[in-house]
């Protein structure tokens, strides 16, 4: 049933989970208490085994690298 609901929404359960993890990472990259954490550590905390995969997925969703996101210090929802 859930797969049908996700399909009607135009996504899949795995895609939705990936987007939630990436949104959480985007917030963590900007949180002051996470400023000392590396991008690789943020990616691990958000459930990514590979920092390279995390960076590619992040760039695809937000249009910039995780480090670029952190340097700009911005948050905007992906379209």
PDB file of N, CA and C in Angstrom:
ATOM      1  N   UNK A   1       0.822  -1.198   0.000  1.00  0.00           N
ATOM      2  CA  UNK A   1       0.000   0.000   0.000  1.00  0.00           C
ATOM      3  C   UNK A   1       0.868   1.265   0.000  1.00  0.00           C
ATOM      4  N   UNK A   2       1.917   1.271   0.816  1.00  0.00           N
ATOM      5  CA  UNK A   2       2.770   2.455   0.866  1.00  0.00           C
ATOM      6  C   UNK A   2       3.432   2.747  -0.474  1.00  0.00           C
ATOM      7  N   UNK A   3       3.839   1.720  -1.161  1.00  0.00           N
ATOM      8  CA  UNK A   3       4.458   1.923  -2.472  1.00  0.00           C
ATOM      9  C   UNK A   3       3.479   2.604  -3.413  1.00  0.00           C
ATOM     10  N   UNK A   4       2.223   2.222  -3.362  1.00  0.00           N
ATOM     11  CA  UNK A   4       1.194   2.847  -4.201  1.00  0.00           C
ATOM     12  C   UNK A   4       1.043   4.318  -3.834  1.00  0.00           C
ATOM     13  N   UNK A   5       1.020   4.624  -2.553  1.00  0.00           N
ATOM     14  CA  UNK A   5       0.888   6.004  -2.101  1.00  0.00           C
ATOM     15  C   UNK A   5       2.077   6.838  -2.571  1.00  0.00           C
ATOM     16  N   UNK A   6       3.285   6.295  -2.424  1.00  0.00           N
ATOM     17  CA  UNK A   6       4.473   7.019  -2.884  1.00  0.00           C
ATOM     18  C   UNK A   6       4.427   7.209  -4.400  1.00  0.00           C
ATOM     19  N   UNK A   7       4.020   6.183  -5.124  1.00  0.00           N
ATOM     20  CA  UNK A   7       3.949   6.277  -6.576  1.00  0.00           C
ATOM     21  C   UNK A   7       2.964   7.371  -6.993  1.00  0.00           C
ATOM     22  N   UNK A   8       1.847   7.471  -6.292  1.00  0.00           N
ATOM     23  CA  UNK A   8       0.865   8.515  -6.600  1.00  0.00           C
ATOM     24  C   UNK A   8       1.439   9.901  -6.330  1.00  0.00           C
ATOM     25  N   UNK A   9       2.350   9.989  -5.381  1.00  0.00           N
ATOM     26  CA  UNK A   9       3.005  11.258  -5.076  1.00  0.00           C
ATOM     27  C   UNK A   9       4.162  11.545  -6.028  1.00  0.00           C
ATOM     28  N   UNK A  10       4.460  10.602  -6.907  1.00  0.00           N
ATOM     29  CA  UNK A  10       5.510  10.804  -7.898  1.00  0.00           C
ATOM     30  C   UNK A  10       6.908  10.484  -7.402  1.00  0.00           C
ATOM     31  N   UNK A  11       7.028   9.638  -6.389  1.00  0.00           N
ATOM     32  CA  UNK A  11       8.331   9.285  -5.846  1.00  0.00           C
ATOM     33  C   UNK A  11       8.313   7.816  -5.417  1.00  0.00           C
ATOM     34  N   UNK A  12       9.385   7.417  -4.787  1.00  0.00           N
ATOM     35  CA  UNK A  12       9.479   6.061  -4.247  1.00  0.00           C
ATOM     36  C   UNK A  12       9.853   6.175  -2.772  1.00  0.00           C
ATOM     37  N   UNK A  13       9.654   5.116  -2.000  1.00  0.00           N
ATOM     38  CA  UNK A  13      10.068   5.174  -0.597  1.00  0.00           C
ATOM     39  C   UNK A  13      11.560   5.470  -0.437  1.00  0.00           C
ATOM     40  N   UNK A  14      12.402   4.859  -1.249  1.00  0.00           N
ATOM     41  CA  UNK A  14      13.846   5.081  -1.149  1.00  0.00           C
ATOM     42  C   UNK A  14      14.219   6.511  -1.534  1.00  0.00           C
ATOM     43  N   UNK A  15      13.591   7.041  -2.556  1.00  0.00           N
ATOM     44  CA  UNK A  15      13.876   8.424  -2.972  1.00  0.00           C
ATOM     45  C   UNK A  15      13.456   9.400  -1.871  1.00  0.00           C
ATOM     46  N   UNK A  16      12.310   9.145  -1.282  1.00  0.00           N
ATOM     47  CA  UNK A  16      11.824   9.989  -0.204  1.00  0.00           C
ATOM     48  C   UNK A  16      12.775   9.951   0.996  1.00  0.00           C
ATOM     49  N   UNK A  17      13.261   8.774   1.330  1.00  0.00           N
ATOM     50  CA  UNK A  17      14.209   8.631   2.425  1.00  0.00           C
ATOM     51  C   UNK A  17      15.505   9.373   2.110  1.00  0.00           C
ATOM     52  N   UNK A  18      16.001   9.251   0.899  1.00  0.00           N
ATOM     53  CA  UNK A  18      17.215   9.958   0.489  1.00  0.00           C
ATOM     54  C   UNK A  18      17.026  11.464   0.636  1.00  0.00           C
ATOM     55  N   UNK A  19      15.893  11.982   0.188  1.00  0.00           N
ATOM     56  CA  UNK A  19      15.632  13.414   0.284  1.00  0.00           C
ATOM     57  C   UNK A  19      15.554  13.878   1.731  1.00  0.00           C
ATOM     58  N   UNK A  20      14.956  13.078   2.605  1.00  0.00           N
ATOM     59  CA  UNK A  20      14.897  13.435   4.029  1.00  0.00           C
ATOM     60  C   UNK A  20      16.297  13.485   4.634  1.00  0.00           C
ATOM     61  N   UNK A  21      17.134  12.503   4.281  1.00  0.00           N
ATOM     62  CA  UNK A  21      18.499  12.474   4.802  1.00  0.00           C
ATOM     63  C   UNK A  21      19.303  13.668   4.296  1.00  0.00           C
ATOM     64  N   UNK A  22      19.111  14.029   3.041  1.00  0.00           N
ATOM     65  CA  UNK A  22      19.826  15.172   2.473  1.00  0.00           C
ATOM     66  C   UNK A  22      19.354  16.487   3.086  1.00  0.00           C
ATOM     67  N   UNK A  23      18.051  16.616   3.335  1.00  0.00           N
ATOM     68  CA  UNK A  23      17.554  17.832   3.987  1.00  0.00           C
ATOM     69  C   UNK A  23      18.133  17.969   5.393  1.00  0.00           C
ATOM     70  N   UNK A  24      18.188  16.840   6.116  1.00  0.00           N
ATOM     71  CA  UNK A  24      18.763  16.862   7.463  1.00  0.00           C
ATOM     72  C   UNK A  24      20.232  17.271   7.402  1.00  0.00           C
ATOM     73  N   UNK A  25      20.956  16.730   6.434  1.00  0.00           N
ATOM     74  CA  UNK A  25      22.366  17.083   6.277  1.00  0.00           C
ATOM     75  C   UNK A  25      22.521  18.563   5.953  1.00  0.00           C
ATOM     76  N   UNK A  26      21.638  19.107   5.112  1.00  0.00           N
ATOM     77  CA  UNK A  26      21.731  20.529   4.758  1.00  0.00           C
ATOM     78  C   UNK A  26      21.540  21.403   5.990  1.00  0.00           C
ATOM     79  N   UNK A  27      20.678  20.992   6.891  1.00  0.00           N
ATOM     80  CA  UNK A  27      20.462  21.740   8.129  1.00  0.00           C
ATOM     81  C   UNK A  27      21.669  21.583   9.047  1.00  0.00           C
ATOM     82  N   UNK A  28      22.168  20.355   9.178  1.00  0.00           N
ATOM     83  CA  UNK A  28      23.320  20.117  10.044  1.00  0.00           C
ATOM     84  C   UNK A  28      24.542  20.912   9.603  1.00  0.00           C
ATOM     85  N   UNK A  29      24.727  21.056   8.302  1.00  0.00           N
ATOM     86  CA  UNK A  29      25.887  21.791   7.794  1.00  0.00           C
ATOM     87  C   UNK A  29      25.867  23.254   8.230  1.00  0.00           C
ATOM     88  N   UNK A  30      24.695  23.769   8.570  1.00  0.00           N
ATOM     89  CA  UNK A  30      24.571  25.176   8.950  1.00  0.00           C
ATOM     90  C   UNK A  30      24.416  25.385  10.449  1.00  0.00           C
ATOM     91  N   UNK A  31      24.144  24.331  11.200  1.00  0.00           N
ATOM     92  CA  UNK A  31      23.942  24.473  12.638  1.00  0.00           C
ATOM     93  C   UNK A  31      25.259  24.834  13.326  1.00  0.00           C
ATOM     94  N   UNK A  32      25.225  25.823  14.217  1.00  0.00           N
ATOM     95  CA  UNK A  32      26.457  26.246  14.899  1.00  0.00           C
ATOM     96  C   UNK A  32      27.138  25.117  15.677  1.00  0.00           C
ATOM     97  N   UNK A  33      26.362  24.247  16.304  1.00  0.00           N
ATOM     98  CA  UNK A  33      26.991  23.183  17.090  1.00  0.00           C
ATOM     99  C   UNK A  33      27.593  22.082  16.219  1.00  0.00           C
ATOM    100  N   UNK A  34      27.371  22.143  14.915  1.00  0.00           N
ATOM    101  CA  UNK A  34      27.978  21.175  13.990  1.00  0.00           C
ATOM    102  C   UNK A  34      29.095  21.807  13.170  1.00  0.00           C
ATOM    103  N   UNK A  35      29.435  23.037  13.475  1.00  0.00           N
ATOM    104  CA  UNK A  35      30.427  23.763  12.679  1.00  0.00           C
ATOM    105  C   UNK A  35      31.787  23.079  12.682  1.00  0.00           C
ATOM    106  N   UNK A  36      32.138  22.397  13.765  1.00  0.00           N
ATOM    107  CA  UNK A  36      33.442  21.742  13.848  1.00  0.00           C
ATOM    108  C   UNK A  36      33.445  20.362  13.177  1.00  0.00           C
ATOM    109  N   UNK A  37      32.284  19.857  12.815  1.00  0.00           N
ATOM    110  CA  UNK A  37      32.198  18.545  12.168  1.00  0.00           C
ATOM    111  C   UNK A  37      32.550  18.665  10.683  1.00  0.00           C
ATOM    112  N   UNK A  38      33.269  17.673  10.198  1.00  0.00           N
ATOM    113  CA  UNK A  38      33.606  17.670   8.774  1.00  0.00           C
ATOM    114  C   UNK A  38      32.386  17.270   7.958  1.00  0.00           C
ATOM    115  N   UNK A  39      32.446  17.535   6.667  1.00  0.00           N
ATOM    116  CA  UNK A  39      31.365  17.127   5.776  1.00  0.00           C
ATOM    117  C   UNK A  39      31.223  15.605   5.803  1.00  0.00           C
ATOM    118  N   UNK A  40      32.344  14.898   5.857  1.00  0.00           N
ATOM    119  CA  UNK A  40      32.293  13.431   5.911  1.00  0.00           C
ATOM    120  C   UNK A  40      31.586  12.951   7.174  1.00  0.00           C
ATOM    121  N   UNK A  41      31.826  13.620   8.288  1.00  0.00           N
ATOM    122  CA  UNK A  41      31.157  13.224   9.535  1.00  0.00           C
ATOM    123  C   UNK A  41      29.658  13.507   9.466  1.00  0.00           C
ATOM    124  N   UNK A  42      29.281  14.634   8.892  1.00  0.00           N
ATOM    125  CA  UNK A  42      27.856  14.943   8.718  1.00  0.00           C
ATOM    126  C   UNK A  42      27.213  13.885   7.830  1.00  0.00           C
ATOM    127  N   UNK A  43      27.901  13.504   6.776  1.00  0.00           N
ATOM    128  CA  UNK A  43      27.332  12.491   5.874  1.00  0.00           C
ATOM    129  C   UNK A  43      27.143  11.163   6.596  1.00  0.00           C
ATOM    130  N   UNK A  44      28.100  10.764   7.418  1.00  0.00           N
ATOM    131  CA  UNK A  44      27.963   9.517   8.184  1.00  0.00           C
ATOM    132  C   UNK A  44      26.800   9.600   9.172  1.00  0.00           C
ATOM    133  N   UNK A  45      26.662  10.735   9.829  1.00  0.00           N
ATOM    134  CA  UNK A  45      25.586  10.915  10.807  1.00  0.00           C
ATOM    135  C   UNK A  45      24.208  10.899  10.148  1.00  0.00           C
ATOM    136  N   UNK A  46      24.176  11.199   8.865  1.00  0.00           N
ATOM    137  CA  UNK A  46      22.909  11.176   8.133  1.00  0.00           C
ATOM    138  C   UNK A  46      22.696   9.856   7.397  1.00  0.00           C
ATOM    139  N   UNK A  47      23.571   8.889   7.645  1.00  0.00           N
ATOM    140  CA  UNK A  47      23.358   7.548   7.126  1.00  0.00           C
ATOM    141  C   UNK A  47      24.026   7.212   5.813  1.00  0.00           C
ATOM    142  N   UNK A  48      24.952   8.026   5.365  1.00  0.00           N
ATOM    143  CA  UNK A  48      25.658   7.747   4.118  1.00  0.00           C
ATOM    144  C   UNK A  48      26.959   7.021   4.421  1.00  0.00           C
ATOM    145  N   UNK A  49      27.165   5.884   3.778  1.00  0.00           N
ATOM    146  CA  UNK A  49      28.394   5.111   3.974  1.00  0.00           C
ATOM    147  C   UNK A  49      29.552   5.725   3.186  1.00  0.00           C
ATOM    148  N   UNK A  50      29.231   6.415   2.107  1.00  0.00           N
ATOM    149  CA  UNK A  50      30.251   6.980   1.233  1.00  0.00           C
ATOM    150  C   UNK A  50      30.092   8.496   1.159  1.00  0.00           C
ATOM    151  N   UNK A  51      31.156   9.223   1.478  1.00  0.00           N
ATOM    152  CA  UNK A  51      31.128  10.684   1.384  1.00  0.00           C
ATOM    153  C   UNK A  51      30.991  11.122  -0.080  1.00  0.00           C
ATOM    154  N   UNK A  52      31.548  10.347  -0.991  1.00  0.00           N
ATOM    155  CA  UNK A  52      31.445  10.682  -2.419  1.00  0.00           C
ATOM    156  C   UNK A  52      29.992  10.578  -2.889  1.00  0.00           C
ATOM    157  N   UNK A  53      29.306   9.510  -2.503  1.00  0.00           N
ATOM    158  CA  UNK A  53      27.894   9.354  -2.866  1.00  0.00           C
ATOM    159  C   UNK A  53      27.072  10.484  -2.257  1.00  0.00           C
ATOM    160  N   UNK A  54      27.349  10.811  -0.998  1.00  0.00           N
ATOM    161  CA  UNK A  54      26.661  11.914  -0.329  1.00  0.00           C
ATOM    162  C   UNK A  54      26.848  13.211  -1.115  1.00  0.00           C
ATOM    163  N   UNK A  55      28.075  13.514  -1.494  1.00  0.00           N
ATOM    164  CA  UNK A  55      28.355  14.760  -2.212  1.00  0.00           C
ATOM    165  C   UNK A  55      27.636  14.820  -3.551  1.00  0.00           C
ATOM    166  N   UNK A  56      27.632  13.701  -4.284  1.00  0.00           N
ATOM    167  CA  UNK A  56      26.933  13.669  -5.583  1.00  0.00           C
ATOM    168  C   UNK A  56      25.432  13.871  -5.397  1.00  0.00           C
ATOM    169  N   UNK A  57      24.837  13.175  -4.432  1.00  0.00           N
ATOM    170  CA  UNK A  57      23.405  13.294  -4.185  1.00  0.00           C
ATOM    171  C   UNK A  57      23.052  14.704  -3.700  1.00  0.00           C
ATOM    172  N   UNK A  58      23.898  15.269  -2.837  1.00  0.00           N
ATOM    173  CA  UNK A  58      23.671  16.622  -2.316  1.00  0.00           C
ATOM    174  C   UNK A  58      23.689  17.634  -3.453  1.00  0.00           C
ATOM    175  N   UNK A  59      24.679  17.514  -4.311  1.00  0.00           N
ATOM    176  CA  UNK A  59      24.791  18.451  -5.440  1.00  0.00           C
ATOM    177  C   UNK A  59      23.607  18.324  -6.390  1.00  0.00           C
ATOM    178  N   UNK A  60      23.152  17.101  -6.617  1.00  0.00           N
ATOM    179  CA  UNK A  60      22.003  16.885  -7.498  1.00  0.00           C
ATOM    180  C   UNK A  60      20.738  17.521  -6.922  1.00  0.00           C
ATOM    181  N   UNK A  61      20.608  17.488  -5.606  1.00  0.00           N
ATOM    182  CA  UNK A  61      19.392  18.016  -4.978  1.00  0.00           C
ATOM    183  C   UNK A  61      19.449  19.529  -4.763  1.00  0.00           C
ATOM    184  N   UNK A  62      20.593  20.042  -4.333  1.00  0.00           N
ATOM    185  CA  UNK A  62      20.687  21.454  -3.949  1.00  0.00           C
ATOM    186  C   UNK A  62      21.465  22.327  -4.935  1.00  0.00           C
ATOM    187  N   UNK A  63      22.120  21.727  -5.917  1.00  0.00           N
ATOM    188  CA  UNK A  63      22.828  22.510  -6.928  1.00  0.00           C
ATOM    189  C   UNK A  63      24.176  23.038  -6.484  1.00  0.00           C
ATOM    190  N   UNK A  64      24.674  22.569  -5.359  1.00  0.00           N
ATOM    191  CA  UNK A  64      25.985  22.977  -4.862  1.00  0.00           C
ATOM    192  C   UNK A  64      26.547  21.844  -4.010  1.00  0.00           C
ATOM    193  N   UNK A  65      27.832  21.905  -3.759  1.00  0.00           N
ATOM    194  CA  UNK A  65      28.456  20.881  -2.929  1.00  0.00           C
ATOM    195  C   UNK A  65      28.120  21.138  -1.460  1.00  0.00           C
ATOM    196  N   UNK A  66      28.259  20.127  -0.612  1.00  0.00           N
ATOM    197  CA  UNK A  66      28.021  20.343   0.819  1.00  0.00           C
ATOM    198  C   UNK A  66      28.927  21.437   1.391  1.00  0.00           C
ATOM    199  N   UNK A  67      30.180  21.464   0.979  1.00  0.00           N
ATOM    200  CA  UNK A  67      31.095  22.491   1.470  1.00  0.00           C
ATOM    201  C   UNK A  67      30.682  23.881   0.973  1.00  0.00           C
ATOM    202  N   UNK A  68      30.285  23.960  -0.283  1.00  0.00           N
ATOM    203  CA  UNK A  68      29.793  25.228  -0.822  1.00  0.00           C
ATOM    204  C   UNK A  68      28.549  25.704  -0.095  1.00  0.00           C
ATOM    205  N   UNK A  69      27.675  24.773   0.239  1.00  0.00           N
ATOM    206  CA  UNK A  69      26.460  25.074   1.003  1.00  0.00           C
ATOM    207  C   UNK A  69      26.832  25.663   2.368  1.00  0.00           C
ATOM    208  N   UNK A  70      27.774  25.026   3.019  1.00  0.00           N
ATOM    209  CA  UNK A  70      28.205  25.481   4.346  1.00  0.00           C
ATOM    210  C   UNK A  70      28.847  26.873   4.253  1.00  0.00           C
ATOM    211  N   UNK A  71      29.683  27.081   3.244  1.00  0.00           N
ATOM    212  CA  UNK A  71      30.369  28.372   3.102  1.00  0.00           C
ATOM    213  C   UNK A  71      29.390  29.503   2.832  1.00  0.00           C
ATOM    214  N   UNK A  72      28.360  29.227   2.031  1.00  0.00           N
ATOM    215  CA  UNK A  72      27.372  30.263   1.728  1.00  0.00           C
ATOM    216  C   UNK A  72      26.443  30.498   2.910  1.00  0.00           C
ATOM    217  N   UNK A  73      26.301  29.487   3.774  1.00  0.00           N
ATOM    218  CA  UNK A  73      25.482  29.643   4.963  1.00  0.00           C
ATOM    219  C   UNK A  73      24.030  29.918   4.669  1.00  0.00           C
ATOM    220  N   UNK A  74      23.488  29.191   3.724  1.00  0.00           N
ATOM    221  CA  UNK A  74      22.107  29.454   3.326  1.00  0.00           C
ATOM    222  C   UNK A  74      21.284  28.184   3.416  1.00  0.00           C
ATOM    223  N   UNK A  75      19.997  28.359   3.540  1.00  0.00           N
ATOM    224  CA  UNK A  75      19.085  27.234   3.455  1.00  0.00           C
ATOM    225  C   UNK A  75      17.919  27.646   2.599  1.00  0.00           C
ATOM    226  N   UNK A  76      17.701  26.878   1.551  1.00  0.00           N
ATOM    227  CA  UNK A  76      16.502  27.067   0.741  1.00  0.00           C
ATOM    228  C   UNK A  76      16.030  25.695   0.324  1.00  0.00           C
ATOM    229  N   UNK A  77      14.768  25.539   0.283  1.00  0.00           N
ATOM    230  CA  UNK A  77      14.192  24.241  -0.041  1.00  0.00           C
ATOM    231  C   UNK A  77      14.404  23.942  -1.520  1.00  0.00           C
ATOM    232  N   UNK A  78      14.744  22.703  -1.839  1.00  0.00           N
ATOM    233  CA  UNK A  78      14.919  22.341  -3.249  1.00  0.00           C
ATOM    234  C   UNK A  78      13.571  22.368  -3.952  1.00  0.00           C
ATOM    235  N   UNK A  79      13.593  22.666  -5.233  1.00  0.00           N
ATOM    236  CA  UNK A  79      12.346  22.736  -5.986  1.00  0.00           C
ATOM    237  C   UNK A  79      11.973  21.414  -6.560  1.00  0.00           C
TER     238      UNK A  79
END
